[in-house]
Amino acid sequence: MENFASRSVSMFFFRHIQPYGIRLKGTLHGIGRHSPEEQLELTARDLKSVEDILGDKKFILSTETPTSIDCTVFGHLAQFLYIPMDFPQKQYMLESCPKLVKYVDVM
């Protein structure tokens, strides 16, 4: 059976046009103007700041149950920890932010 998807217009879009669009969006947003090392440093500072805000609390706003802020933060952090890819942020979280890793596991 012939693979029709490899010849389709959508596959052309995802292989050639979308990567250019993602790079352009990153450059226009500003994060794409930094080197990968600078991007890692910026995200490491952000992760450390979130851990400092969390402190010894179970949830960010010191509530008994998670709030929408906790759900939002969890959504962003879970991408680093649970997607089976080697993100440098994942390694940083595992080594330097044990409270954040525990927080994500609790959520």
PDB file of N, CA and C in Angstrom:
ATOM      1  N   MET A   1       0.842  -1.176   0.000  1.00  0.00           N
ATOM      2  CA  MET A   1       0.000   0.000   0.000  1.00  0.00           C
ATOM      3  C   MET A   1       0.891   1.244   0.000  1.00  0.00           C
ATOM      4  N   GLU A   2       0.590   2.170  -0.844  1.00  0.00           N
ATOM      5  CA  GLU A   2       1.374   3.387  -0.974  1.00  0.00           C
ATOM      6  C   GLU A   2       1.050   4.367   0.149  1.00  0.00           C
ATOM      7  N   ASN A   3       2.074   5.033   0.661  1.00  0.00           N
ATOM      8  CA  ASN A   3       1.892   6.003   1.737  1.00  0.00           C
ATOM      9  C   ASN A   3       1.501   7.344   1.133  1.00  0.00           C
ATOM     10  N   PHE A   4       0.203   7.641   1.168  1.00  0.00           N
ATOM     11  CA  PHE A   4      -0.297   8.874   0.571  1.00  0.00           C
ATOM     12  C   PHE A   4       0.141  10.102   1.366  1.00  0.00           C
ATOM     13  N   ALA A   5       0.274   9.970   2.690  1.00  0.00           N
ATOM     14  CA  ALA A   5       0.594  11.119   3.537  1.00  0.00           C
ATOM     15  C   ALA A   5       1.941  11.731   3.187  1.00  0.00           C
ATOM     16  N   SER A   6       2.887  10.931   2.747  1.00  0.00           N
ATOM     17  CA  SER A   6       4.214  11.478   2.450  1.00  0.00           C
ATOM     18  C   SER A   6       4.185  12.391   1.233  1.00  0.00           C
ATOM     19  N   ARG A   7       3.178  12.261   0.382  1.00  0.00           N
ATOM     20  CA  ARG A   7       3.090  13.105  -0.812  1.00  0.00           C
ATOM     21  C   ARG A   7       2.114  14.254  -0.639  1.00  0.00           C
ATOM     22  N   SER A   8       1.426  14.318   0.469  1.00  0.00           N
ATOM     23  CA  SER A   8       0.361  15.301   0.614  1.00  0.00           C
ATOM     24  C   SER A   8       0.902  16.699   0.888  1.00  0.00           C
ATOM     25  N   VAL A   9       0.056  17.661   0.696  1.00  0.00           N
ATOM     26  CA  VAL A   9       0.405  19.058   0.921  1.00  0.00           C
ATOM     27  C   VAL A   9       0.681  19.304   2.403  1.00  0.00           C
ATOM     28  N   SER A  10      -0.069  18.647   3.276  1.00  0.00           N
ATOM     29  CA  SER A  10       0.138  18.871   4.707  1.00  0.00           C
ATOM     30  C   SER A  10       1.522  18.409   5.141  1.00  0.00           C
ATOM     31  N   MET A  11       2.028  17.328   4.587  1.00  0.00           N
ATOM     32  CA  MET A  11       3.365  16.871   4.948  1.00  0.00           C
ATOM     33  C   MET A  11       4.421  17.862   4.453  1.00  0.00           C
ATOM     34  N   PHE A  12       4.202  18.449   3.292  1.00  0.00           N
ATOM     35  CA  PHE A  12       5.116  19.483   2.807  1.00  0.00           C
ATOM     36  C   PHE A  12       5.139  20.652   3.781  1.00  0.00           C
ATOM     37  N   PHE A  13       3.952  21.050   4.241  1.00  0.00           N
ATOM     38  CA  PHE A  13       3.849  22.153   5.191  1.00  0.00           C
ATOM     39  C   PHE A  13       4.620  21.845   6.470  1.00  0.00           C
ATOM     40  N   PHE A  14       4.408  20.656   7.041  1.00  0.00           N
ATOM     41  CA  PHE A  14       5.034  20.316   8.323  1.00  0.00           C
ATOM     42  C   PHE A  14       6.540  20.093   8.194  1.00  0.00           C
ATOM     43  N   ARG A  15       7.005  19.701   7.044  1.00  0.00           N
ATOM     44  CA  ARG A  15       8.442  19.469   6.866  1.00  0.00           C
ATOM     45  C   ARG A  15       9.215  20.735   6.523  1.00  0.00           C
ATOM     46  N   HIS A  16       8.599  21.653   5.769  1.00  0.00           N
ATOM     47  CA  HIS A  16       9.356  22.770   5.225  1.00  0.00           C
ATOM     48  C   HIS A  16       8.902  24.138   5.728  1.00  0.00           C
ATOM     49  N   ILE A  17       7.623  24.352   5.851  1.00  0.00           N
ATOM     50  CA  ILE A  17       7.131  25.682   6.185  1.00  0.00           C
ATOM     51  C   ILE A  17       7.012  25.885   7.692  1.00  0.00           C
ATOM     52  N   GLN A  18       6.486  24.905   8.416  1.00  0.00           N
ATOM     53  CA  GLN A  18       6.292  25.079   9.856  1.00  0.00           C
ATOM     54  C   GLN A  18       7.601  25.318  10.618  1.00  0.00           C
ATOM     55  N   PRO A  19       8.697  24.588  10.362  1.00  0.00           N
ATOM     56  CA  PRO A  19       9.939  24.886  11.093  1.00  0.00           C
ATOM     57  C   PRO A  19      10.410  26.329  10.895  1.00  0.00           C
ATOM     58  N   TYR A  20      10.255  26.852   9.696  1.00  0.00           N
ATOM     59  CA  TYR A  20      10.619  28.246   9.450  1.00  0.00           C
ATOM     60  C   TYR A  20       9.734  29.170  10.280  1.00  0.00           C
ATOM     61  N   GLY A  21       8.439  28.887  10.328  1.00  0.00           N
ATOM     62  CA  GLY A  21       7.509  29.706  11.100  1.00  0.00           C
ATOM     63  C   GLY A  21       7.825  29.693  12.586  1.00  0.00           C
ATOM     64  N   ILE A  22       8.207  28.542  13.121  1.00  0.00           N
ATOM     65  CA  ILE A  22       8.560  28.432  14.540  1.00  0.00           C
ATOM     66  C   ILE A  22       9.815  29.254  14.835  1.00  0.00           C
ATOM     67  N   ARG A  23      10.823  29.144  13.970  1.00  0.00           N
ATOM     68  CA  ARG A  23      12.050  29.933  14.166  1.00  0.00           C
ATOM     69  C   ARG A  23      11.750  31.429  14.084  1.00  0.00           C
ATOM     70  N   LEU A  24      10.903  31.822  13.145  1.00  0.00           N
ATOM     71  CA  LEU A  24      10.538  33.230  12.993  1.00  0.00           C
ATOM     72  C   LEU A  24       9.794  33.732  14.231  1.00  0.00           C
ATOM     73  N   LYS A  25       8.853  32.949  14.740  1.00  0.00           N
ATOM     74  CA  LYS A  25       8.124  33.345  15.939  1.00  0.00           C
ATOM     75  C   LYS A  25       9.068  33.501  17.131  1.00  0.00           C
ATOM     76  N   GLY A  26      10.007  32.586  17.274  1.00  0.00           N
ATOM     77  CA  GLY A  26      10.978  32.682  18.363  1.00  0.00           C
ATOM     78  C   GLY A  26      11.837  33.918  18.258  1.00  0.00           C
ATOM     79  N   THR A  27      12.237  34.267  17.051  1.00  0.00           N
ATOM     80  CA  THR A  27      13.052  35.462  16.850  1.00  0.00           C
ATOM     81  C   THR A  27      12.239  36.720  17.133  1.00  0.00           C
ATOM     82  N   LEU A  28      11.023  36.776  16.632  1.00  0.00           N
ATOM     83  CA  LEU A  28      10.182  37.944  16.852  1.00  0.00           C
ATOM     84  C   LEU A  28       9.811  38.089  18.325  1.00  0.00           C
ATOM     85  N   HIS A  29       9.602  36.976  19.002  1.00  0.00           N
ATOM     86  CA  HIS A  29       9.279  37.016  20.427  1.00  0.00           C
ATOM     87  C   HIS A  29      10.471  37.472  21.243  1.00  0.00           C
ATOM     88  N   GLY A  30      11.666  37.109  20.827  1.00  0.00           N
ATOM     89  CA  GLY A  30      12.874  37.534  21.523  1.00  0.00           C
ATOM     90  C   GLY A  30      13.723  36.372  22.000  1.00  0.00           C
ATOM     91  N   ILE A  31      13.106  35.258  22.375  1.00  0.00           N
ATOM     92  CA  ILE A  31      13.870  34.131  22.911  1.00  0.00           C
ATOM     93  C   ILE A  31      14.777  33.529  21.839  1.00  0.00           C
ATOM     94  N   GLY A  32      14.379  33.624  20.588  1.00  0.00           N
ATOM     95  CA  GLY A  32      15.181  33.073  19.497  1.00  0.00           C
ATOM     96  C   GLY A  32      16.439  33.865  19.210  1.00  0.00           C
ATOM     97  N   ARG A  33      16.576  35.025  19.811  1.00  0.00           N
ATOM     98  CA  ARG A  33      17.770  35.846  19.602  1.00  0.00           C
ATOM     99  C   ARG A  33      18.902  35.460  20.544  1.00  0.00           C
ATOM    100  N   HIS A  34      18.609  34.567  21.488  1.00  0.00           N
ATOM    101  CA  HIS A  34      19.621  34.125  22.451  1.00  0.00           C
ATOM    102  C   HIS A  34      20.225  32.801  22.004  1.00  0.00           C
ATOM    103  N   SER A  35      21.448  32.573  22.409  1.00  0.00           N
ATOM    104  CA  SER A  35      22.087  31.286  22.125  1.00  0.00           C
ATOM    105  C   SER A  35      21.431  30.212  22.994  1.00  0.00           C
ATOM    106  N   PRO A  36      21.587  28.935  22.650  1.00  0.00           N
ATOM    107  CA  PRO A  36      21.016  27.879  23.494  1.00  0.00           C
ATOM    108  C   PRO A  36      21.515  27.932  24.935  1.00  0.00           C
ATOM    109  N   GLU A  37      22.760  28.325  25.134  1.00  0.00           N
ATOM    110  CA  GLU A  37      23.299  28.434  26.494  1.00  0.00           C
ATOM    111  C   GLU A  37      22.606  29.550  27.268  1.00  0.00           C
ATOM    112  N   GLU A  38      22.364  30.674  26.584  1.00  0.00           N
ATOM    113  CA  GLU A  38      21.652  31.781  27.223  1.00  0.00           C
ATOM    114  C   GLU A  38      20.205  31.396  27.532  1.00  0.00           C
ATOM    115  N   GLN A  39      19.577  30.665  26.618  1.00  0.00           N
ATOM    116  CA  GLN A  39      18.206  30.211  26.855  1.00  0.00           C
ATOM    117  C   GLN A  39      18.152  29.302  28.073  1.00  0.00           C
ATOM    118  N   LEU A  40      19.123  28.418  28.214  1.00  0.00           N
ATOM    119  CA  LEU A  40      19.164  27.528  29.372  1.00  0.00           C
ATOM    120  C   LEU A  40      19.350  28.323  30.658  1.00  0.00           C
ATOM    121  N   GLU A  41      20.212  29.317  30.621  1.00  0.00           N
ATOM    122  CA  GLU A  41      20.431  30.154  31.805  1.00  0.00           C
ATOM    123  C   GLU A  41      19.153  30.894  32.192  1.00  0.00           C
ATOM    124  N   LEU A  42      18.446  31.425  31.208  1.00  0.00           N
ATOM    125  CA  LEU A  42      17.193  32.135  31.490  1.00  0.00           C
ATOM    126  C   LEU A  42      16.144  31.196  32.087  1.00  0.00           C
ATOM    127  N   THR A  43      16.002  30.012  31.516  1.00  0.00           N
ATOM    128  CA  THR A  43      15.009  29.086  32.058  1.00  0.00           C
ATOM    129  C   THR A  43      15.431  28.557  33.419  1.00  0.00           C
ATOM    130  N   ALA A  44      16.725  28.385  33.639  1.00  0.00           N
ATOM    131  CA  ALA A  44      17.193  27.933  34.957  1.00  0.00           C
ATOM    132  C   ALA A  44      16.868  28.975  36.019  1.00  0.00           C
ATOM    133  N   ARG A  45      17.055  30.243  35.699  1.00  0.00           N
ATOM    134  CA  ARG A  45      16.698  31.298  36.657  1.00  0.00           C
ATOM    135  C   ARG A  45      15.200  31.320  36.920  1.00  0.00           C
ATOM    136  N   ASP A  46      14.406  31.106  35.868  1.00  0.00           N
ATOM    137  CA  ASP A  46      12.948  31.059  36.054  1.00  0.00           C
ATOM    138  C   ASP A  46      12.536  29.891  36.940  1.00  0.00           C
ATOM    139  N   LEU A  47      13.115  28.723  36.682  1.00  0.00           N
ATOM    140  CA  LEU A  47      12.780  27.549  37.495  1.00  0.00           C
ATOM    141  C   LEU A  47      13.175  27.753  38.950  1.00  0.00           C
ATOM    142  N   LYS A  48      14.334  28.339  39.175  1.00  0.00           N
ATOM    143  CA  LYS A  48      14.782  28.597  40.547  1.00  0.00           C
ATOM    144  C   LYS A  48      13.860  29.599  41.227  1.00  0.00           C
ATOM    145  N   SER A  49      13.378  30.587  40.480  1.00  0.00           N
ATOM    146  CA  SER A  49      12.445  31.564  41.045  1.00  0.00           C
ATOM    147  C   SER A  49      11.135  30.912  41.452  1.00  0.00           C
ATOM    148  N   VAL A  50      10.621  30.023  40.628  1.00  0.00           N
ATOM    149  CA  VAL A  50       9.383  29.323  40.973  1.00  0.00           C
ATOM    150  C   VAL A  50       9.601  28.468  42.217  1.00  0.00           C
ATOM    151  N   GLU A  51      10.751  27.814  42.302  1.00  0.00           N
ATOM    152  CA  GLU A  51      11.039  27.016  43.488  1.00  0.00           C
ATOM    153  C   GLU A  51      11.141  27.897  44.732  1.00  0.00           C
ATOM    154  N   ASP A  52      11.737  29.068  44.601  1.00  0.00           N
ATOM    155  CA  ASP A  52      11.829  29.991  45.734  1.00  0.00           C
ATOM    156  C   ASP A  52      10.443  30.474  46.172  1.00  0.00           C
ATOM    157  N   ILE A  53       9.572  30.745  45.216  1.00  0.00           N
ATOM    158  CA  ILE A  53       8.199  31.154  45.545  1.00  0.00           C
ATOM    159  C   ILE A  53       7.467  30.025  46.250  1.00  0.00           C
ATOM    160  N   LEU A  54       7.663  28.805  45.782  1.00  0.00           N
ATOM    161  CA  LEU A  54       6.998  27.645  46.384  1.00  0.00           C
ATOM    162  C   LEU A  54       7.488  27.422  47.808  1.00  0.00           C
ATOM    163  N   GLY A  55       8.775  27.548  48.025  1.00  0.00           N
ATOM    164  CA  GLY A  55       9.334  27.369  49.367  1.00  0.00           C
ATOM    165  C   GLY A  55       8.982  26.006  49.948  1.00  0.00           C
ATOM    166  N   ASP A  56       8.519  25.994  51.183  1.00  0.00           N
ATOM    167  CA  ASP A  56       8.133  24.746  51.847  1.00  0.00           C
ATOM    168  C   ASP A  56       6.629  24.496  51.785  1.00  0.00           C
ATOM    169  N   LYS A  57       5.919  25.307  51.018  1.00  0.00           N
ATOM    170  CA  LYS A  57       4.465  25.165  50.906  1.00  0.00           C
ATOM    171  C   LYS A  57       4.127  23.976  50.005  1.00  0.00           C
ATOM    172  N   LYS A  58       2.948  23.427  50.212  1.00  0.00           N
ATOM    173  CA  LYS A  58       2.494  22.326  49.367  1.00  0.00           C
ATOM    174  C   LYS A  58       2.036  22.861  48.008  1.00  0.00           C
ATOM    175  N   PHE A  59       1.348  24.002  48.025  1.00  0.00           N
ATOM    176  CA  PHE A  59       0.879  24.645  46.800  1.00  0.00           C
ATOM    177  C   PHE A  59       1.328  26.106  46.801  1.00  0.00           C
ATOM    178  N   ILE A  60       1.328  26.748  45.652  1.00  0.00           N
ATOM    179  CA  ILE A  60       1.926  28.064  45.498  1.00  0.00           C
ATOM    180  C   ILE A  60       1.261  29.120  46.377  1.00  0.00           C
ATOM    181  N   LEU A  61      -0.056  29.096  46.491  1.00  0.00           N
ATOM    182  CA  LEU A  61      -0.749  30.116  47.266  1.00  0.00           C
ATOM    183  C   LEU A  61      -1.014  29.691  48.708  1.00  0.00           C
ATOM    184  N   SER A  62      -0.312  28.694  49.181  1.00  0.00           N
ATOM    185  CA  SER A  62      -0.462  28.190  50.563  1.00  0.00           C
ATOM    186  C   SER A  62      -1.880  27.717  50.867  1.00  0.00           C
ATOM    187  N   THR A  63      -2.552  27.165  49.882  1.00  0.00           N
ATOM    188  CA  THR A  63      -3.904  26.662  50.090  1.00  0.00           C
ATOM    189  C   THR A  63      -3.864  25.166  50.363  1.00  0.00           C
ATOM    190  N   GLU A  64      -5.008  24.632  50.781  1.00  0.00           N
ATOM    191  CA  GLU A  64      -5.104  23.198  51.049  1.00  0.00           C
ATOM    192  C   GLU A  64      -5.279  22.385  49.768  1.00  0.00           C
ATOM    193  N   THR A  65      -5.849  23.023  48.758  1.00  0.00           N
ATOM    194  CA  THR A  65      -6.066  22.354  47.475  1.00  0.00           C
ATOM    195  C   THR A  65      -5.414  23.175  46.365  1.00  0.00           C
ATOM    196  N   PRO A  66      -5.114  22.556  45.242  1.00  0.00           N
ATOM    197  CA  PRO A  66      -4.487  23.297  44.141  1.00  0.00           C
ATOM    198  C   PRO A  66      -5.424  24.366  43.575  1.00  0.00           C
ATOM    199  N   THR A  67      -4.838  25.462  43.149  1.00  0.00           N
ATOM    200  CA  THR A  67      -5.591  26.530  42.491  1.00  0.00           C
ATOM    201  C   THR A  67      -5.279  26.498  41.000  1.00  0.00           C
ATOM    202  N   SER A  68      -5.882  27.413  40.256  1.00  0.00           N
ATOM    203  CA  SER A  68      -5.618  27.458  38.813  1.00  0.00           C
ATOM    204  C   SER A  68      -4.155  27.822  38.534  1.00  0.00           C
ATOM    205  N   ILE A  69      -3.541  28.573  39.429  1.00  0.00           N
ATOM    206  CA  ILE A  69      -2.109  28.892  39.257  1.00  0.00           C
ATOM    207  C   ILE A  69      -1.282  27.613  39.357  1.00  0.00           C
ATOM    208  N   ASP A  70      -1.620  26.749  40.316  1.00  0.00           N
ATOM    209  CA  ASP A  70      -0.900  25.479  40.454  1.00  0.00           C
ATOM    210  C   ASP A  70      -1.063  24.630  39.194  1.00  0.00           C
ATOM    211  N   CYS A  71      -2.259  24.625  38.652  1.00  0.00           N
ATOM    212  CA  CYS A  71      -2.495  23.835  37.433  1.00  0.00           C
ATOM    213  C   CYS A  71      -1.697  24.377  36.255  1.00  0.00           C
ATOM    214  N   THR A  72      -1.612  25.692  36.162  1.00  0.00           N
ATOM    215  CA  THR A  72      -0.848  26.311  35.074  1.00  0.00           C
ATOM    216  C   THR A  72       0.636  25.992  35.205  1.00  0.00           C
ATOM    217  N   VAL A  73       1.173  26.170  36.406  1.00  0.00           N
ATOM    218  CA  VAL A  73       2.591  25.894  36.635  1.00  0.00           C
ATOM    219  C   VAL A  73       2.881  24.419  36.394  1.00  0.00           C
ATOM    220  N   PHE A  74       1.990  23.549  36.870  1.00  0.00           N
ATOM    221  CA  PHE A  74       2.163  22.113  36.643  1.00  0.00           C
ATOM    222  C   PHE A  74       2.224  21.802  35.149  1.00  0.00           C
ATOM    223  N   GLY A  75       1.348  22.404  34.375  1.00  0.00           N
ATOM    224  CA  GLY A  75       1.333  22.150  32.934  1.00  0.00           C
ATOM    225  C   GLY A  75       2.648  22.478  32.267  1.00  0.00           C
ATOM    226  N   HIS A  76       3.264  23.563  32.694  1.00  0.00           N
ATOM    227  CA  HIS A  76       4.553  23.953  32.102  1.00  0.00           C
ATOM    228  C   HIS A  76       5.684  23.052  32.591  1.00  0.00           C
ATOM    229  N   LEU A  77       5.704  22.761  33.874  1.00  0.00           N
ATOM    230  CA  LEU A  77       6.793  21.952  34.429  1.00  0.00           C
ATOM    231  C   LEU A  77       6.703  20.495  33.998  1.00  0.00           C
ATOM    232  N   ALA A  78       5.505  19.988  33.847  1.00  0.00           N
ATOM    233  CA  ALA A  78       5.325  18.590  33.460  1.00  0.00           C
ATOM    234  C   ALA A  78       5.902  18.322  32.070  1.00  0.00           C
ATOM    235  N   GLN A  79       5.901  19.329  31.224  1.00  0.00           N
ATOM    236  CA  GLN A  79       6.481  19.148  29.891  1.00  0.00           C
ATOM    237  C   GLN A  79       7.967  18.818  29.983  1.00  0.00           C
ATOM    238  N   PHE A  80       8.665  19.445  30.901  1.00  0.00           N
ATOM    239  CA  PHE A  80      10.091  19.160  31.061  1.00  0.00           C
ATOM    240  C   PHE A  80      10.319  17.780  31.663  1.00  0.00           C
ATOM    241  N   LEU A  81       9.511  17.406  32.637  1.00  0.00           N
ATOM    242  CA  LEU A  81       9.778  16.172  33.385  1.00  0.00           C
ATOM    243  C   LEU A  81       9.213  14.915  32.731  1.00  0.00           C
ATOM    244  N   TYR A  82       8.063  14.998  32.104  1.00  0.00           N
ATOM    245  CA  TYR A  82       7.370  13.784  31.686  1.00  0.00           C
ATOM    246  C   TYR A  82       7.467  13.456  30.202  1.00  0.00           C
ATOM    247  N   ILE A  83       7.833  14.411  29.366  1.00  0.00           N
ATOM    248  CA  ILE A  83       8.004  14.094  27.946  1.00  0.00           C
ATOM    249  C   ILE A  83       9.324  13.345  27.799  1.00  0.00           C
ATOM    250  N   PRO A  84       9.322  12.191  27.137  1.00  0.00           N
ATOM    251  CA  PRO A  84      10.545  11.382  27.056  1.00  0.00           C
ATOM    252  C   PRO A  84      11.576  11.948  26.076  1.00  0.00           C
ATOM    253  N   MET A  85      12.089  13.114  26.407  1.00  0.00           N
ATOM    254  CA  MET A  85      13.158  13.744  25.636  1.00  0.00           C
ATOM    255  C   MET A  85      14.180  14.272  26.629  1.00  0.00           C
ATOM    256  N   ASP A  86      15.389  14.453  26.168  1.00  0.00           N
ATOM    257  CA  ASP A  86      16.440  14.968  27.037  1.00  0.00           C
ATOM    258  C   ASP A  86      16.472  16.491  26.984  1.00  0.00           C
ATOM    259  N   PHE A  87      15.652  17.118  27.811  1.00  0.00           N
ATOM    260  CA  PHE A  87      15.676  18.564  27.944  1.00  0.00           C
ATOM    261  C   PHE A  87      16.757  18.939  28.948  1.00  0.00           C
ATOM    262  N   PRO A  88      17.550  19.970  28.687  1.00  0.00           N
ATOM    263  CA  PRO A  88      18.511  20.399  29.710  1.00  0.00           C
ATOM    264  C   PRO A  88      17.791  20.907  30.962  1.00  0.00           C
ATOM    265  N   GLN A  89      16.574  21.431  30.789  1.00  0.00           N
ATOM    266  CA  GLN A  89      15.800  21.900  31.933  1.00  0.00           C
ATOM    267  C   GLN A  89      15.407  20.740  32.832  1.00  0.00           C
ATOM    268  N   LYS A  90      15.164  19.586  32.254  1.00  0.00           N
ATOM    269  CA  LYS A  90      14.826  18.405  33.052  1.00  0.00           C
ATOM    270  C   LYS A  90      15.996  18.035  33.952  1.00  0.00           C
ATOM    271  N   GLN A  91      17.176  18.011  33.393  1.00  0.00           N
ATOM    272  CA  GLN A  91      18.369  17.691  34.170  1.00  0.00           C
ATOM    273  C   GLN A  91      18.588  18.729  35.261  1.00  0.00           C
ATOM    274  N   TYR A  92      18.384  19.997  34.923  1.00  0.00           N
ATOM    275  CA  TYR A  92      18.546  21.060  35.915  1.00  0.00           C
ATOM    276  C   TYR A  92      17.545  20.895  37.060  1.00  0.00           C
ATOM    277  N   MET A  93      16.295  20.597  36.717  1.00  0.00           N
ATOM    278  CA  MET A  93      15.277  20.418  37.757  1.00  0.00           C
ATOM    279  C   MET A  93      15.620  19.244  38.663  1.00  0.00           C
ATOM    280  N   LEU A  94      16.057  18.145  38.078  1.00  0.00           N
ATOM    281  CA  LEU A  94      16.381  16.965  38.875  1.00  0.00           C
ATOM    282  C   LEU A  94      17.577  17.212  39.792  1.00  0.00           C
ATOM    283  N   GLU A  95      18.537  18.006  39.342  1.00  0.00           N
ATOM    284  CA  GLU A  95      19.744  18.248  40.130  1.00  0.00           C
ATOM    285  C   GLU A  95      19.606  19.417  41.107  1.00  0.00           C
ATOM    286  N   SER A  96      18.926  20.495  40.685  1.00  0.00           N
ATOM    287  CA  SER A  96      18.953  21.730  41.460  1.00  0.00           C
ATOM    288  C   SER A  96      17.619  22.162  42.057  1.00  0.00           C
ATOM    289  N   CYS A  97      16.532  21.554  41.652  1.00  0.00           N
ATOM    290  CA  CYS A  97      15.210  21.987  42.118  1.00  0.00           C
ATOM    291  C   CYS A  97      14.392  20.804  42.637  1.00  0.00           C
ATOM    292  N   PRO A  98      14.826  20.147  43.700  1.00  0.00           N
ATOM    293  CA  PRO A  98      14.078  18.976  44.183  1.00  0.00           C
ATOM    294  C   PRO A  98      12.674  19.317  44.671  1.00  0.00           C
ATOM    295  N   LYS A  99      12.474  20.535  45.174  1.00  0.00           N
ATOM    296  CA  LYS A  99      11.131  20.927  45.623  1.00  0.00           C
ATOM    297  C   LYS A  99      10.162  21.013  44.453  1.00  0.00           C
ATOM    298  N   LEU A 100      10.647  21.481  43.309  1.00  0.00           N
ATOM    299  CA  LEU A 100       9.783  21.554  42.123  1.00  0.00           C
ATOM    300  C   LEU A 100       9.418  20.173  41.617  1.00  0.00           C
ATOM    301  N   VAL A 101      10.374  19.262  41.638  1.00  0.00           N
ATOM    302  CA  VAL A 101      10.100  17.889  41.196  1.00  0.00           C
ATOM    303  C   VAL A 101       9.058  17.257  42.113  1.00  0.00           C
ATOM    304  N   LYS A 102       9.207  17.465  43.413  1.00  0.00           N
ATOM    305  CA  LYS A 102       8.226  16.938  44.365  1.00  0.00           C
ATOM    306  C   LYS A 102       6.860  17.577  44.135  1.00  0.00           C
ATOM    307  N   TYR A 103       6.834  18.880  43.888  1.00  0.00           N
ATOM    308  CA  TYR A 103       5.594  19.612  43.627  1.00  0.00           C
ATOM    309  C   TYR A 103       4.873  19.025  42.423  1.00  0.00           C
ATOM    310  N   VAL A 104       5.605  18.785  41.333  1.00  0.00           N
ATOM    311  CA  VAL A 104       5.000  18.215  40.134  1.00  0.00           C
ATOM    312  C   VAL A 104       4.466  16.811  40.428  1.00  0.00           C
ATOM    313  N   ASP A 105       5.200  16.031  41.199  1.00  0.00           N
ATOM    314  CA  ASP A 105       4.727  14.694  41.552  1.00  0.00           C
ATOM    315  C   ASP A 105       3.471  14.752  42.400  1.00  0.00           C
ATOM    316  N   VAL A 106       3.373  15.722  43.305  1.00  0.00           N
ATOM    317  CA  VAL A 106       2.173  15.873  44.140  1.00  0.00           C
ATOM    318  C   VAL A 106       0.967  16.264  43.285  1.00  0.00           C
ATOM    319  N   MET A 107       1.209  17.139  42.336  1.00  0.00           N
ATOM    320  CA  MET A 107       0.101  17.573  41.470  1.00  0.00           C
ATOM    321  C   MET A 107      -0.392  16.396  40.639  1.00  0.00           C
TER     322      MET A 107
END
